[in-house]
Amino acid sequence: MKITVLCVGKIKEKYFTGAVEEYAKRLSRYCKLEIIEVTDEKTPDGASEALEAQIKQKEAGRLLKYLPEDAYLIVLAILGKQLSSEELSETIGTLGVRGISHIVFVIGGSLGLADDIIKRADFLLSFSKLTFPHQMMRVMLLEQIYRSYRILQGEPYHK
């Protein structure tokens, strides 16, 4: 299985970079992992709704270049469905059984994602009703993908 994590923005803090590298190394036993970062747009303080929509559209344009037609698209969205770790694991396992060989997870920028990306999703996934920094979300997503593979393999994982 190929897993792509497609993100708006770069990771700047070393502690997040280290965690991403660690989970990428751990995941290499289970899947082919690719992390793609697209440039985020600067949002001025007090930006109007129209400007925010333009910014999300620019970011969406960059994301769309990396969305293969044949991949299963899971978009992280607050309004998505919340799953337990076991349910996410089951979802990944079921997709593999169905012959899906490529899953793309999308993490938006500070304003979220444009409707084009959300409408294109095969599944909307929510980690919480809380808002998290996209850098932290990347680490949390990679940890949950790793945990999913451990569960699928019947290997021990921390509950």
N, C-alpha and C. Protein backbone atom coordinates (compact mmCIF):
# COMPACT_ATOMS: atom_id res chain seq x y z
N MET A 1 0.85 -1.18 0.00
CA MET A 1 0.00 0.00 0.00
C MET A 1 0.89 1.24 0.00
N LYS A 2 0.48 2.22 -0.78
CA LYS A 2 1.17 3.50 -0.77
C LYS A 2 0.28 4.49 0.00
N ILE A 3 0.89 5.21 0.93
CA ILE A 3 0.21 6.23 1.71
C ILE A 3 0.89 7.56 1.40
N THR A 4 0.10 8.53 0.96
CA THR A 4 0.61 9.87 0.75
C THR A 4 -0.05 10.80 1.76
N VAL A 5 0.75 11.60 2.42
CA VAL A 5 0.24 12.64 3.30
C VAL A 5 0.53 13.95 2.58
N LEU A 6 -0.53 14.60 2.14
CA LEU A 6 -0.44 15.83 1.36
C LEU A 6 -0.83 16.99 2.28
N CYS A 7 0.09 17.92 2.49
CA CYS A 7 -0.09 18.96 3.52
C CYS A 7 0.12 20.35 2.95
N VAL A 8 -0.64 21.29 3.50
CA VAL A 8 -0.40 22.70 3.22
C VAL A 8 0.57 23.21 4.29
N GLY A 9 1.69 23.75 3.86
CA GLY A 9 2.66 24.31 4.80
C GLY A 9 3.78 23.36 5.13
N LYS A 10 4.85 23.94 5.61
CA LYS A 10 6.04 23.18 5.99
C LYS A 10 6.14 23.09 7.50
N ILE A 11 6.86 22.07 7.95
CA ILE A 11 7.13 21.95 9.38
C ILE A 11 8.39 22.76 9.69
N LYS A 12 8.29 23.61 10.70
CA LYS A 12 9.41 24.48 11.04
C LYS A 12 10.13 24.05 12.31
N GLU A 13 9.40 23.54 13.28
CA GLU A 13 10.00 23.17 14.56
C GLU A 13 10.71 21.82 14.48
N LYS A 14 11.90 21.76 15.06
CA LYS A 14 12.69 20.53 15.01
C LYS A 14 12.00 19.37 15.71
N TYR A 15 11.28 19.63 16.79
CA TYR A 15 10.64 18.54 17.51
C TYR A 15 9.53 17.90 16.68
N PHE A 16 8.84 18.67 15.86
CA PHE A 16 7.85 18.08 14.96
C PHE A 16 8.54 17.33 13.82
N THR A 17 9.60 17.92 13.30
CA THR A 17 10.35 17.27 12.22
C THR A 17 10.89 15.92 12.68
N GLY A 18 11.43 15.89 13.89
CA GLY A 18 11.95 14.64 14.44
C GLY A 18 10.87 13.59 14.59
N ALA A 19 9.69 13.99 15.05
CA ALA A 19 8.59 13.04 15.21
C ALA A 19 8.12 12.52 13.86
N VAL A 20 8.01 13.40 12.87
CA VAL A 20 7.61 12.97 11.53
C VAL A 20 8.62 11.97 10.97
N GLU A 21 9.89 12.25 11.13
CA GLU A 21 10.94 11.34 10.64
C GLU A 21 10.86 10.00 11.34
N GLU A 22 10.61 10.00 12.65
CA GLU A 22 10.51 8.75 13.40
C GLU A 22 9.34 7.90 12.91
N TYR A 23 8.18 8.51 12.75
CA TYR A 23 7.02 7.73 12.28
C TYR A 23 7.18 7.29 10.83
N ALA A 24 7.84 8.10 10.01
CA ALA A 24 8.11 7.70 8.63
C ALA A 24 9.00 6.45 8.62
N LYS A 25 10.00 6.44 9.50
CA LYS A 25 10.89 5.28 9.60
C LYS A 25 10.11 4.04 10.06
N ARG A 26 9.28 4.20 11.08
CA ARG A 26 8.50 3.07 11.59
C ARG A 26 7.52 2.55 10.53
N LEU A 27 6.92 3.46 9.78
CA LEU A 27 5.92 3.07 8.77
C LEU A 27 6.56 2.36 7.58
N SER A 28 7.86 2.54 7.37
CA SER A 28 8.51 1.93 6.21
C SER A 28 8.40 0.40 6.22
N ARG A 29 8.15 -0.20 7.38
CA ARG A 29 7.94 -1.66 7.48
C ARG A 29 6.60 -2.09 6.88
N TYR A 30 5.65 -1.17 6.83
CA TYR A 30 4.27 -1.52 6.51
C TYR A 30 3.76 -0.97 5.17
N CYS A 31 4.29 0.16 4.75
CA CYS A 31 3.76 0.78 3.54
C CYS A 31 4.84 1.67 2.92
N LYS A 32 4.55 2.13 1.73
CA LYS A 32 5.41 3.12 1.08
C LYS A 32 4.81 4.48 1.41
N LEU A 33 5.52 5.27 2.20
CA LEU A 33 5.03 6.56 2.66
C LEU A 33 5.66 7.68 1.85
N GLU A 34 4.81 8.62 1.46
CA GLU A 34 5.26 9.82 0.76
C GLU A 34 4.62 11.01 1.47
N ILE A 35 5.41 12.01 1.77
CA ILE A 35 4.89 13.24 2.37
C ILE A 35 5.16 14.37 1.39
N ILE A 36 4.09 15.05 1.00
CA ILE A 36 4.20 16.15 0.04
C ILE A 36 3.70 17.42 0.74
N GLU A 37 4.53 18.45 0.68
CA GLU A 37 4.16 19.74 1.25
C GLU A 37 3.95 20.73 0.12
N VAL A 38 2.84 21.47 0.18
CA VAL A 38 2.64 22.57 -0.76
C VAL A 38 2.72 23.87 0.04
N THR A 39 3.11 24.93 -0.62
CA THR A 39 3.30 26.22 0.03
C THR A 39 1.97 26.76 0.55
N ASP A 40 2.01 27.28 1.76
CA ASP A 40 0.82 27.93 2.30
C ASP A 40 0.87 29.42 1.97
N GLU A 41 -0.29 30.04 1.93
CA GLU A 41 -0.41 31.47 1.68
C GLU A 41 -0.41 32.21 3.01
N LYS A 42 0.21 33.34 3.04
CA LYS A 42 0.17 34.19 4.24
C LYS A 42 -1.22 34.81 4.33
N THR A 43 -1.80 34.76 5.52
CA THR A 43 -3.12 35.35 5.73
C THR A 43 -2.95 36.59 6.61
N PRO A 44 -3.27 37.76 6.06
CA PRO A 44 -3.15 38.95 6.89
C PRO A 44 -4.18 38.96 8.01
N ASP A 45 -3.82 39.57 9.13
CA ASP A 45 -4.77 39.71 10.24
C ASP A 45 -6.00 40.46 9.75
N GLY A 46 -7.16 40.01 10.18
CA GLY A 46 -8.41 40.68 9.81
C GLY A 46 -8.79 40.50 8.35
N ALA A 47 -8.31 39.42 7.72
CA ALA A 47 -8.64 39.17 6.32
C ALA A 47 -10.14 38.98 6.16
N SER A 48 -10.67 39.49 5.07
CA SER A 48 -12.09 39.36 4.79
C SER A 48 -12.41 37.92 4.39
N GLU A 49 -13.68 37.56 4.42
CA GLU A 49 -14.10 36.22 3.99
C GLU A 49 -13.71 35.98 2.55
N ALA A 50 -13.85 37.01 1.72
CA ALA A 50 -13.50 36.88 0.30
C ALA A 50 -12.02 36.59 0.12
N LEU A 51 -11.17 37.28 0.89
CA LEU A 51 -9.73 37.05 0.80
C LEU A 51 -9.39 35.66 1.32
N GLU A 52 -10.02 35.25 2.41
CA GLU A 52 -9.78 33.90 2.92
C GLU A 52 -10.18 32.85 1.89
N ALA A 53 -11.28 33.06 1.20
CA ALA A 53 -11.71 32.12 0.16
C ALA A 53 -10.69 32.07 -0.98
N GLN A 54 -10.14 33.22 -1.35
CA GLN A 54 -9.11 33.26 -2.40
C GLN A 54 -7.87 32.49 -1.96
N ILE A 55 -7.48 32.68 -0.71
CA ILE A 55 -6.30 31.99 -0.19
C ILE A 55 -6.52 30.48 -0.22
N LYS A 56 -7.68 30.03 0.24
CA LYS A 56 -7.97 28.58 0.22
C LYS A 56 -7.97 28.05 -1.21
N GLN A 57 -8.46 28.85 -2.16
CA GLN A 57 -8.46 28.42 -3.57
C GLN A 57 -7.05 28.28 -4.12
N LYS A 58 -6.18 29.22 -3.78
CA LYS A 58 -4.78 29.12 -4.22
C LYS A 58 -4.13 27.85 -3.67
N GLU A 59 -4.35 27.59 -2.38
CA GLU A 59 -3.79 26.38 -1.77
C GLU A 59 -4.40 25.13 -2.40
N ALA A 60 -5.70 25.18 -2.69
CA ALA A 60 -6.37 24.04 -3.33
C ALA A 60 -5.76 23.75 -4.70
N GLY A 61 -5.46 24.80 -5.44
CA GLY A 61 -4.83 24.62 -6.75
C GLY A 61 -3.51 23.87 -6.64
N ARG A 62 -2.76 24.19 -5.62
CA ARG A 62 -1.48 23.50 -5.41
C ARG A 62 -1.71 22.04 -5.01
N LEU A 63 -2.71 21.80 -4.16
CA LEU A 63 -3.00 20.43 -3.71
C LEU A 63 -3.49 19.56 -4.86
N LEU A 64 -4.36 20.12 -5.69
CA LEU A 64 -4.96 19.34 -6.78
C LEU A 64 -3.93 18.74 -7.73
N LYS A 65 -2.78 19.40 -7.86
CA LYS A 65 -1.71 18.90 -8.74
C LYS A 65 -1.18 17.55 -8.26
N TYR A 66 -1.38 17.24 -6.98
CA TYR A 66 -0.82 16.02 -6.39
C TYR A 66 -1.88 14.97 -6.06
N LEU A 67 -3.10 15.16 -6.53
CA LEU A 67 -4.17 14.20 -6.23
C LEU A 67 -4.38 13.28 -7.42
N PRO A 68 -3.86 12.05 -7.34
CA PRO A 68 -4.05 11.11 -8.44
C PRO A 68 -5.52 10.66 -8.49
N GLU A 69 -6.00 10.46 -9.69
CA GLU A 69 -7.41 10.05 -9.89
C GLU A 69 -7.72 8.70 -9.24
N ASP A 70 -6.74 7.80 -9.24
CA ASP A 70 -7.01 6.43 -8.78
C ASP A 70 -6.78 6.23 -7.27
N ALA A 71 -6.41 7.28 -6.56
CA ALA A 71 -6.16 7.15 -5.13
C ALA A 71 -7.45 7.36 -4.34
N TYR A 72 -7.51 6.75 -3.17
CA TYR A 72 -8.62 6.95 -2.23
C TYR A 72 -8.26 8.17 -1.40
N LEU A 73 -9.13 9.17 -1.39
CA LEU A 73 -8.81 10.45 -0.78
C LEU A 73 -9.51 10.60 0.57
N ILE A 74 -8.70 10.70 1.64
CA ILE A 74 -9.20 10.95 2.98
C ILE A 74 -8.77 12.35 3.38
N VAL A 75 -9.76 13.22 3.58
CA VAL A 75 -9.49 14.61 3.92
C VAL A 75 -9.76 14.82 5.40
N LEU A 76 -8.81 15.43 6.09
CA LEU A 76 -9.00 15.76 7.50
C LEU A 76 -9.84 17.02 7.60
N ALA A 77 -10.96 16.91 8.27
CA ALA A 77 -11.90 18.02 8.38
C ALA A 77 -12.63 17.93 9.72
N ILE A 78 -12.79 19.05 10.38
CA ILE A 78 -13.47 19.07 11.68
C ILE A 78 -14.86 18.45 11.58
N LEU A 79 -15.54 18.68 10.46
CA LEU A 79 -16.91 18.17 10.30
C LEU A 79 -16.95 16.72 9.79
N GLY A 80 -15.80 16.09 9.68
CA GLY A 80 -15.75 14.70 9.23
C GLY A 80 -16.19 13.74 10.31
N LYS A 81 -16.07 12.46 10.01
CA LYS A 81 -16.45 11.41 10.95
C LYS A 81 -15.28 11.11 11.88
N GLN A 82 -15.58 11.00 13.17
CA GLN A 82 -14.56 10.62 14.13
C GLN A 82 -14.52 9.10 14.24
N LEU A 83 -13.32 8.55 14.15
CA LEU A 83 -13.11 7.10 14.24
C LEU A 83 -12.21 6.79 15.43
N SER A 84 -12.39 5.60 15.98
CA SER A 84 -11.41 5.11 16.96
C SER A 84 -10.19 4.62 16.18
N SER A 85 -9.11 4.36 16.89
CA SER A 85 -7.91 3.82 16.23
C SER A 85 -8.22 2.49 15.55
N GLU A 86 -9.03 1.68 16.21
CA GLU A 86 -9.40 0.38 15.64
C GLU A 86 -10.24 0.56 14.36
N GLU A 87 -11.11 1.54 14.37
CA GLU A 87 -11.94 1.79 13.18
C GLU A 87 -11.10 2.33 12.02
N LEU A 88 -10.13 3.19 12.31
CA LEU A 88 -9.24 3.67 11.24
C LEU A 88 -8.44 2.51 10.68
N SER A 89 -7.96 1.65 11.56
CA SER A 89 -7.21 0.47 11.13
C SER A 89 -8.07 -0.41 10.22
N GLU A 90 -9.30 -0.62 10.63
CA GLU A 90 -10.23 -1.43 9.84
C GLU A 90 -10.49 -0.79 8.48
N THR A 91 -10.61 0.53 8.46
CA THR A 91 -10.83 1.25 7.20
C THR A 91 -9.64 1.04 6.26
N ILE A 92 -8.43 1.20 6.76
CA ILE A 92 -7.24 1.02 5.94
C ILE A 92 -7.16 -0.43 5.45
N GLY A 93 -7.42 -1.38 6.34
CA GLY A 93 -7.39 -2.78 5.96
C GLY A 93 -8.43 -3.12 4.91
N THR A 94 -9.64 -2.61 5.07
CA THR A 94 -10.72 -2.88 4.12
C THR A 94 -10.41 -2.29 2.75
N LEU A 95 -9.82 -1.10 2.73
CA LEU A 95 -9.45 -0.50 1.44
C LEU A 95 -8.45 -1.39 0.71
N GLY A 96 -7.48 -1.92 1.45
CA GLY A 96 -6.50 -2.82 0.84
C GLY A 96 -7.16 -4.07 0.27
N VAL A 97 -8.11 -4.64 1.01
CA VAL A 97 -8.81 -5.84 0.55
C VAL A 97 -9.63 -5.53 -0.71
N ARG A 98 -10.18 -4.31 -0.77
CA ARG A 98 -10.97 -3.88 -1.94
C ARG A 98 -10.09 -3.57 -3.15
N GLY A 99 -8.78 -3.67 -3.00
CA GLY A 99 -7.88 -3.44 -4.12
C GLY A 99 -7.39 -2.00 -4.24
N ILE A 100 -7.68 -1.19 -3.25
CA ILE A 100 -7.15 0.18 -3.27
C ILE A 100 -5.68 0.10 -2.88
N SER A 101 -4.81 0.60 -3.73
CA SER A 101 -3.37 0.49 -3.45
C SER A 101 -2.75 1.83 -3.05
N HIS A 102 -3.55 2.90 -3.07
CA HIS A 102 -2.99 4.21 -2.76
C HIS A 102 -4.03 5.02 -1.98
N ILE A 103 -3.67 5.45 -0.79
CA ILE A 103 -4.51 6.31 0.04
C ILE A 103 -3.79 7.65 0.18
N VAL A 104 -4.51 8.73 -0.07
CA VAL A 104 -3.96 10.07 0.12
C VAL A 104 -4.74 10.74 1.26
N PHE A 105 -4.01 11.16 2.29
CA PHE A 105 -4.57 11.93 3.39
C PHE A 105 -4.22 13.40 3.13
N VAL A 106 -5.18 14.29 3.28
CA VAL A 106 -4.94 15.71 3.04
C VAL A 106 -5.14 16.50 4.32
N ILE A 107 -4.13 17.32 4.66
CA ILE A 107 -4.20 18.22 5.82
C ILE A 107 -4.14 19.64 5.27
N GLY A 108 -5.16 20.43 5.58
CA GLY A 108 -5.23 21.80 5.10
C GLY A 108 -4.35 22.75 5.89
N GLY A 109 -4.38 23.99 5.47
CA GLY A 109 -3.62 25.04 6.14
C GLY A 109 -4.42 25.66 7.27
N SER A 110 -4.00 26.83 7.71
CA SER A 110 -4.61 27.47 8.88
C SER A 110 -6.06 27.87 8.65
N LEU A 111 -6.47 28.05 7.41
CA LEU A 111 -7.86 28.42 7.11
C LEU A 111 -8.72 27.22 6.77
N GLY A 112 -8.11 26.05 6.71
CA GLY A 112 -8.86 24.87 6.29
C GLY A 112 -8.69 24.64 4.80
N LEU A 113 -9.64 23.92 4.22
CA LEU A 113 -9.55 23.54 2.81
C LEU A 113 -10.69 24.14 2.00
N ALA A 114 -10.42 24.39 0.74
CA ALA A 114 -11.45 24.87 -0.19
C ALA A 114 -12.46 23.74 -0.45
N ASP A 115 -13.66 24.14 -0.81
CA ASP A 115 -14.73 23.18 -1.07
C ASP A 115 -14.37 22.17 -2.17
N ASP A 116 -13.56 22.59 -3.16
CA ASP A 116 -13.18 21.66 -4.26
C ASP A 116 -12.51 20.41 -3.69
N ILE A 117 -11.65 20.61 -2.71
CA ILE A 117 -10.92 19.49 -2.13
C ILE A 117 -11.87 18.64 -1.28
N ILE A 118 -12.68 19.29 -0.48
CA ILE A 118 -13.61 18.56 0.39
C ILE A 118 -14.60 17.74 -0.44
N LYS A 119 -15.11 18.32 -1.52
CA LYS A 119 -16.07 17.61 -2.39
C LYS A 119 -15.43 16.42 -3.09
N ARG A 120 -14.15 16.51 -3.33
CA ARG A 120 -13.45 15.42 -4.03
C ARG A 120 -13.13 14.24 -3.10
N ALA A 121 -13.25 14.47 -1.79
CA ALA A 121 -12.88 13.43 -0.81
C ALA A 121 -13.77 12.20 -0.92
N ASP A 122 -13.16 11.05 -0.71
CA ASP A 122 -13.91 9.80 -0.58
C ASP A 122 -14.38 9.63 0.86
N PHE A 123 -13.65 10.26 1.79
CA PHE A 123 -13.99 10.14 3.21
C PHE A 123 -13.47 11.38 3.93
N LEU A 124 -14.32 11.94 4.79
CA LEU A 124 -13.90 13.06 5.64
C LEU A 124 -13.62 12.51 7.03
N LEU A 125 -12.41 12.72 7.52
CA LEU A 125 -11.98 12.20 8.81
C LEU A 125 -11.75 13.35 9.77
N SER A 126 -12.32 13.24 10.97
CA SER A 126 -12.11 14.24 12.00
C SER A 126 -11.41 13.59 13.18
N PHE A 127 -10.38 14.24 13.67
CA PHE A 127 -9.70 13.76 14.87
C PHE A 127 -10.37 14.30 16.12
N SER A 128 -11.11 15.39 15.97
CA SER A 128 -11.73 16.04 17.13
C SER A 128 -12.50 17.26 16.64
N LYS A 129 -13.35 17.79 17.50
CA LYS A 129 -13.97 19.08 17.20
C LYS A 129 -13.00 20.22 17.49
N LEU A 130 -11.90 19.89 18.16
CA LEU A 130 -10.87 20.88 18.45
C LEU A 130 -10.07 21.20 17.19
N THR A 131 -9.47 22.37 17.17
CA THR A 131 -8.58 22.76 16.08
C THR A 131 -7.15 22.52 16.53
N PHE A 132 -6.35 21.89 15.67
CA PHE A 132 -4.94 21.62 15.98
C PHE A 132 -4.05 22.32 14.96
N PRO A 133 -2.84 22.72 15.35
CA PRO A 133 -1.90 23.25 14.37
C PRO A 133 -1.60 22.17 13.32
N HIS A 134 -1.49 22.58 12.06
CA HIS A 134 -1.29 21.57 11.01
C HIS A 134 0.00 20.78 11.20
N GLN A 135 1.00 21.38 11.82
CA GLN A 135 2.25 20.65 12.06
C GLN A 135 2.03 19.52 13.07
N MET A 136 1.29 19.81 14.12
CA MET A 136 0.99 18.78 15.11
C MET A 136 0.06 17.72 14.52
N MET A 137 -0.86 18.16 13.68
CA MET A 137 -1.80 17.23 13.06
C MET A 137 -1.07 16.20 12.20
N ARG A 138 -0.02 16.64 11.55
CA ARG A 138 0.76 15.72 10.71
C ARG A 138 1.36 14.60 11.56
N VAL A 139 1.92 14.98 12.71
CA VAL A 139 2.50 13.98 13.62
C VAL A 139 1.40 13.04 14.12
N MET A 140 0.28 13.61 14.54
CA MET A 140 -0.82 12.79 15.06
C MET A 140 -1.35 11.83 13.99
N LEU A 141 -1.47 12.30 12.76
CA LEU A 141 -1.94 11.45 11.67
C LEU A 141 -0.97 10.30 11.42
N LEU A 142 0.31 10.61 11.34
CA LEU A 142 1.31 9.56 11.10
C LEU A 142 1.31 8.53 12.23
N GLU A 143 1.16 9.01 13.46
CA GLU A 143 1.10 8.08 14.59
C GLU A 143 -0.11 7.16 14.46
N GLN A 144 -1.25 7.70 14.06
CA GLN A 144 -2.45 6.89 13.93
C GLN A 144 -2.37 5.91 12.75
N ILE A 145 -1.72 6.30 11.68
CA ILE A 145 -1.52 5.38 10.56
C ILE A 145 -0.60 4.24 11.02
N TYR A 146 0.47 4.59 11.73
CA TYR A 146 1.37 3.57 12.27
C TYR A 146 0.62 2.63 13.21
N ARG A 147 -0.17 3.19 14.11
CA ARG A 147 -0.96 2.39 15.05
C ARG A 147 -1.93 1.48 14.27
N SER A 148 -2.50 2.00 13.20
CA SER A 148 -3.42 1.21 12.37
C SER A 148 -2.73 -0.03 11.82
N TYR A 149 -1.54 0.15 11.31
CA TYR A 149 -0.80 -1.00 10.77
C TYR A 149 -0.43 -2.00 11.87
N ARG A 150 -0.07 -1.49 13.04
CA ARG A 150 0.24 -2.40 14.16
C ARG A 150 -1.00 -3.23 14.51
N ILE A 151 -2.15 -2.58 14.55
CA ILE A 151 -3.41 -3.29 14.85
C ILE A 151 -3.69 -4.32 13.76
N LEU A 152 -3.54 -3.93 12.50
CA LEU A 152 -3.81 -4.86 11.39
C LEU A 152 -2.91 -6.09 11.44
N GLN A 153 -1.67 -5.90 11.90
CA GLN A 153 -0.70 -7.01 11.96
C GLN A 153 -0.84 -7.82 13.25
N GLY A 154 -1.74 -7.40 14.13
CA GLY A 154 -1.90 -8.10 15.41
C GLY A 154 -0.73 -7.85 16.34
N GLU A 155 -0.02 -6.77 16.13
CA GLU A 155 1.13 -6.43 16.96
C GLU A 155 0.68 -5.58 18.14
N PRO A 156 1.43 -5.61 19.23
CA PRO A 156 1.04 -4.80 20.39
C PRO A 156 1.09 -3.31 20.10
N TYR A 157 0.18 -2.60 20.69
CA TYR A 157 0.17 -1.15 20.59
C TYR A 157 -0.38 -0.61 21.89
N HIS A 158 -0.04 0.62 22.19
CA HIS A 158 -0.47 1.21 23.45
C HIS A 158 -1.93 1.62 23.37
N LYS A 159 -2.71 1.16 24.33
CA LYS A 159 -4.13 1.54 24.36
C LYS A 159 -4.24 2.72 25.23
